[in-house]
C-alpha atoms as a PDB file:
ATOM      1  CA  UNK A   1      48.844 -85.460 -43.139  1.00  0.00           C
ATOM      2  CA  UNK A   2      49.513 -86.191 -39.472  1.00  0.00           C
ATOM      3  CA  UNK A   3      53.007 -87.153 -38.277  1.00  0.00           C
ATOM      4  CA  UNK A   4      53.678 -88.654 -34.857  1.00  0.00           C
ATOM      5  CA  UNK A   5      56.835 -88.828 -32.752  1.00  0.00           C
ATOM      6  CA  UNK A   6      57.059 -91.565 -30.148  1.00  0.00           C
ATOM      7  CA  UNK A   7      58.773 -91.227 -26.789  1.00  0.00           C
ATOM      8  CA  UNK A   8      59.222 -94.981 -26.659  1.00  0.00           C
ATOM      9  CA  UNK A   9      57.483 -95.150 -23.289  1.00  0.00           C
ATOM     10  CA  UNK A  10      55.328 -98.206 -22.640  1.00  0.00           C
ATOM     11  CA  UNK A  11      52.573 -95.839 -21.546  1.00  0.00           C
ATOM     12  CA  UNK A  12      52.030 -94.441 -25.056  1.00  0.00           C
ATOM     13  CA  UNK A  13      50.017 -97.465 -26.209  1.00  0.00           C
ATOM     14  CA  UNK A  14      48.292 -97.961 -22.850  1.00  0.00           C
ATOM     15  CA  UNK A  15      47.187 -94.326 -22.509  1.00  0.00           C
ATOM     16  CA  UNK A  16      47.049 -93.562 -26.235  1.00  0.00           C
ATOM     17  CA  UNK A  17      49.358 -90.589 -26.801  1.00  0.00           C
ATOM     18  CA  UNK A  18      52.453 -89.485 -28.696  1.00  0.00           C
ATOM     19  CA  UNK A  19      55.428 -87.357 -27.656  1.00  0.00           C
ATOM     20  CA  UNK A  20      54.550 -84.931 -30.461  1.00  0.00           C
ATOM     21  CA  UNK A  21      52.043 -84.546 -33.263  1.00  0.00           C
ATOM     22  CA  UNK A  22      52.463 -82.463 -36.420  1.00  0.00           C
ATOM     23  CA  UNK A  23      49.544 -81.482 -38.625  1.00  0.00           C
ATOM     24  CA  UNK A  24      50.427 -79.120 -41.447  1.00  0.00           C
ATOM     25  CA  UNK A  25      52.759 -76.534 -39.974  1.00  0.00           C
ATOM     26  CA  UNK A  26      51.508 -76.950 -36.380  1.00  0.00           C
ATOM     27  CA  UNK A  27      53.288 -79.112 -33.805  1.00  0.00           C
ATOM     28  CA  UNK A  28      51.980 -79.975 -30.354  1.00  0.00           C
ATOM     29  CA  UNK A  29      54.397 -81.590 -27.901  1.00  0.00           C
ATOM     30  CA  UNK A  30      52.842 -83.519 -25.034  1.00  0.00           C
ATOM     31  CA  UNK A  31      53.726 -82.948 -21.418  1.00  0.00           C
ATOM     32  CA  UNK A  32      57.356 -84.013 -21.071  1.00  0.00           C
ATOM     33  CA  UNK A  33      59.242 -84.903 -17.902  1.00  0.00           C
ATOM     34  CA  UNK A  34      62.867 -85.758 -17.100  1.00  0.00           C
ATOM     35  CA  UNK A  35      62.554 -89.508 -17.567  1.00  0.00           C
ATOM     36  CA  UNK A  36      65.047 -91.702 -19.364  1.00  0.00           C
ATOM     37  CA  UNK A  37      64.831 -95.486 -19.488  1.00  0.00           C
ATOM     38  CA  UNK A  38      61.808 -95.375 -17.205  1.00  0.00           C
ATOM     39  CA  UNK A  39      63.736 -93.590 -14.442  1.00  0.00           C
ATOM     40  CA  UNK A  40      63.445 -89.964 -13.323  1.00  0.00           C
ATOM     41  CA  UNK A  41      66.720 -88.104 -13.855  1.00  0.00           C
ATOM     42  CA  UNK A  42      68.192 -85.271 -11.754  1.00  0.00           C
ATOM     43  CA  UNK A  43      66.131 -86.081  -8.669  1.00  0.00           C
ATOM     44  CA  UNK A  44      65.743 -82.966  -6.518  1.00  0.00           C
ATOM     45  CA  UNK A  45      67.171 -80.674  -9.243  1.00  0.00           C
ATOM     46  CA  UNK A  46      64.476 -78.635 -10.990  1.00  0.00           C
ATOM     47  CA  UNK A  47      66.989 -76.740 -13.153  1.00  0.00           C
ATOM     48  CA  UNK A  48      68.563 -79.848 -14.689  1.00  0.00           C
ATOM     49  CA  UNK A  49      65.203 -81.593 -15.029  1.00  0.00           C
ATOM     50  CA  UNK A  50      64.047 -78.566 -17.047  1.00  0.00           C
ATOM     51  CA  UNK A  51      67.161 -78.600 -19.238  1.00  0.00           C
ATOM     52  CA  UNK A  52      66.672 -82.315 -19.949  1.00  0.00           C
ATOM     53  CA  UNK A  53      62.993 -81.790 -20.720  1.00  0.00           C
ATOM     54  CA  UNK A  54      63.715 -78.966 -23.150  1.00  0.00           C
ATOM     55  CA  UNK A  55      66.391 -81.035 -24.909  1.00  0.00           C
ATOM     56  CA  UNK A  56      63.881 -83.880 -25.269  1.00  0.00           C
ATOM     57  CA  UNK A  57      61.266 -81.473 -26.622  1.00  0.00           C
ATOM     58  CA  UNK A  58      63.755 -79.974 -29.066  1.00  0.00           C
ATOM     59  CA  UNK A  59      64.683 -83.454 -30.331  1.00  0.00           C
ATOM     60  CA  UNK A  60      60.995 -84.158 -31.063  1.00  0.00           C
ATOM     61  CA  UNK A  61      60.671 -80.800 -32.831  1.00  0.00           C
ATOM     62  CA  UNK A  62      63.778 -81.490 -34.940  1.00  0.00           C
ATOM     63  CA  UNK A  63      62.414 -84.915 -35.883  1.00  0.00           C
ATOM     64  CA  UNK A  64      59.364 -83.100 -37.267  1.00  0.00           C
ATOM     65  CA  UNK A  65      61.410 -80.532 -39.214  1.00  0.00           C
ATOM     66  CA  UNK A  66      61.244 -77.785 -36.611  1.00  0.00           C
ATOM     67  CA  UNK A  67      63.185 -76.464 -33.609  1.00  0.00           C
ATOM     68  CA  UNK A  68      62.688 -74.372 -30.484  1.00  0.00           C
ATOM     69  CA  UNK A  69      62.769 -71.318 -32.778  1.00  0.00           C
ATOM     70  CA  UNK A  70      59.246 -72.213 -33.953  1.00  0.00           C
ATOM     71  CA  UNK A  71      57.791 -72.503 -30.429  1.00  0.00           C
ATOM     72  CA  UNK A  72      54.943 -70.052 -29.806  1.00  0.00           C
ATOM     73  CA  UNK A  73      53.690 -71.336 -26.426  1.00  0.00           C
ATOM     74  CA  UNK A  74      55.126 -73.181 -23.434  1.00  0.00           C
ATOM     75  CA  UNK A  75      53.202 -74.513 -20.467  1.00  0.00           C
ATOM     76  CA  UNK A  76      55.270 -75.314 -17.398  1.00  0.00           C
ATOM     77  CA  UNK A  77      53.930 -77.300 -14.461  1.00  0.00           C
ATOM     78  CA  UNK A  78      56.066 -77.358 -11.299  1.00  0.00           C
ATOM     79  CA  UNK A  79      55.424 -79.071  -8.004  1.00  0.00           C
ATOM     80  CA  UNK A  80      57.103 -76.349  -5.917  1.00  0.00           C
ATOM     81  CA  UNK A  81      56.615 -72.732  -6.954  1.00  0.00           C
ATOM     82  CA  UNK A  82      59.846 -71.859  -5.129  1.00  0.00           C
ATOM     83  CA  UNK A  83      61.653 -73.607  -8.022  1.00  0.00           C
ATOM     84  CA  UNK A  84      60.382 -70.963 -10.452  1.00  0.00           C
ATOM     85  CA  UNK A  85      63.720 -69.129 -10.640  1.00  0.00           C
ATOM     86  CA  UNK A  86      65.704 -72.269 -11.533  1.00  0.00           C
ATOM     87  CA  UNK A  87      63.061 -73.449 -13.987  1.00  0.00           C
ATOM     88  CA  UNK A  88      62.743 -69.963 -15.483  1.00  0.00           C
ATOM     89  CA  UNK A  89      66.516 -69.695 -15.900  1.00  0.00           C
ATOM     90  CA  UNK A  90      66.637 -73.007 -17.797  1.00  0.00           C
ATOM     91  CA  UNK A  91      63.644 -71.939 -19.918  1.00  0.00           C
ATOM     92  CA  UNK A  92      65.405 -68.678 -20.704  1.00  0.00           C
ATOM     93  CA  UNK A  93      68.507 -70.526 -21.907  1.00  0.00           C
ATOM     94  CA  UNK A  94      66.391 -72.100 -24.652  1.00  0.00           C
ATOM     95  CA  UNK A  95      63.952 -69.302 -25.377  1.00  0.00           C
ATOM     96  CA  UNK A  96      65.633 -65.958 -24.572  1.00  0.00           C
ATOM     97  CA  UNK A  97      65.477 -64.842 -28.210  1.00  0.00           C
ATOM     98  CA  UNK A  98      62.323 -66.780 -29.186  1.00  0.00           C
ATOM     99  CA  UNK A  99      60.218 -65.448 -26.300  1.00  0.00           C
ATOM    100  CA  UNK A 100      57.117 -67.660 -26.681  1.00  0.00           C
ATOM    101  CA  UNK A 101      53.975 -67.014 -24.695  1.00  0.00           C
ATOM    102  CA  UNK A 102      54.486 -68.966 -21.496  1.00  0.00           C
ATOM    103  CA  UNK A 103      52.586 -70.099 -18.443  1.00  0.00           C
ATOM    104  CA  UNK A 104      54.104 -71.508 -15.253  1.00  0.00           C
ATOM    105  CA  UNK A 105      51.866 -72.915 -12.554  1.00  0.00           C
ATOM    106  CA  UNK A 106      52.364 -74.872  -9.375  1.00  0.00           C
ATOM    107  CA  UNK A 107      50.529 -78.171  -9.223  1.00  0.00           C
ATOM    108  CA  UNK A 108      50.096 -80.514  -6.271  1.00  0.00           C
ATOM    109  CA  UNK A 109      51.992 -83.427  -7.834  1.00  0.00           C
ATOM    110  CA  UNK A 110      53.024 -85.275 -10.971  1.00  0.00           C
ATOM    111  CA  UNK A 111      52.770 -89.024 -11.641  1.00  0.00           C
ATOM    112  CA  UNK A 112      56.089 -89.734  -9.902  1.00  0.00           C
ATOM    113  CA  UNK A 113      56.999 -87.743  -6.763  1.00  0.00           C
ATOM    114  CA  UNK A 114      60.594 -87.375  -8.055  1.00  0.00           C
ATOM    115  CA  UNK A 115      59.295 -85.398 -11.057  1.00  0.00           C
ATOM    116  CA  UNK A 116      59.515 -81.689 -10.294  1.00  0.00           C
ATOM    117  CA  UNK A 117      58.683 -80.240 -13.731  1.00  0.00           C
ATOM    118  CA  UNK A 118      56.530 -81.097 -16.743  1.00  0.00           C
ATOM    119  CA  UNK A 119      56.497 -78.975 -19.906  1.00  0.00           C
ATOM    120  CA  UNK A 120      54.402 -78.985 -23.065  1.00  0.00           C
ATOM    121  CA  UNK A 121      54.859 -76.754 -26.092  1.00  0.00           C
ATOM    122  CA  UNK A 122      53.089 -75.589 -29.222  1.00  0.00           C
ATOM    123  CA  UNK A 123      55.064 -74.696 -32.321  1.00  0.00           C
ATOM    124  CA  UNK A 124      54.188 -73.246 -35.720  1.00  0.00           C
ATOM    125  CA  UNK A 125      56.683 -73.755 -38.512  1.00  0.00           C
ATOM    126  CA  UNK A 126      57.066 -70.422 -40.308  1.00  0.00           C
ATOM    127  CA  UNK A 127      58.885 -71.503 -43.461  1.00  0.00           C
END
């Protein structure tokens, strides 16, 4: 059985995606940015954008009966590699004991120039 979590964004139906999808004990969370009510939050602040993103991801995981403790992989896309310390610090606040496999790469841009970070995760529920 497949379960879906919606972000509520108008783009979900246009593009055809969900915030998160659970099949069996596997959860995939789509690329998530620091957007609320259609507006980018914490403009110019990669650390707080990352914190907001990880809280949003955790909420989707919880809705599917999971949490950040089940995360096995994170993929972090940043528009300025010099932000890696701030982004890494925020990531560590969520995952310091979980220690998922993680990738961080610099990309040329995201959909909105005010977006500095986008994160996606994979989780496997162990219980």
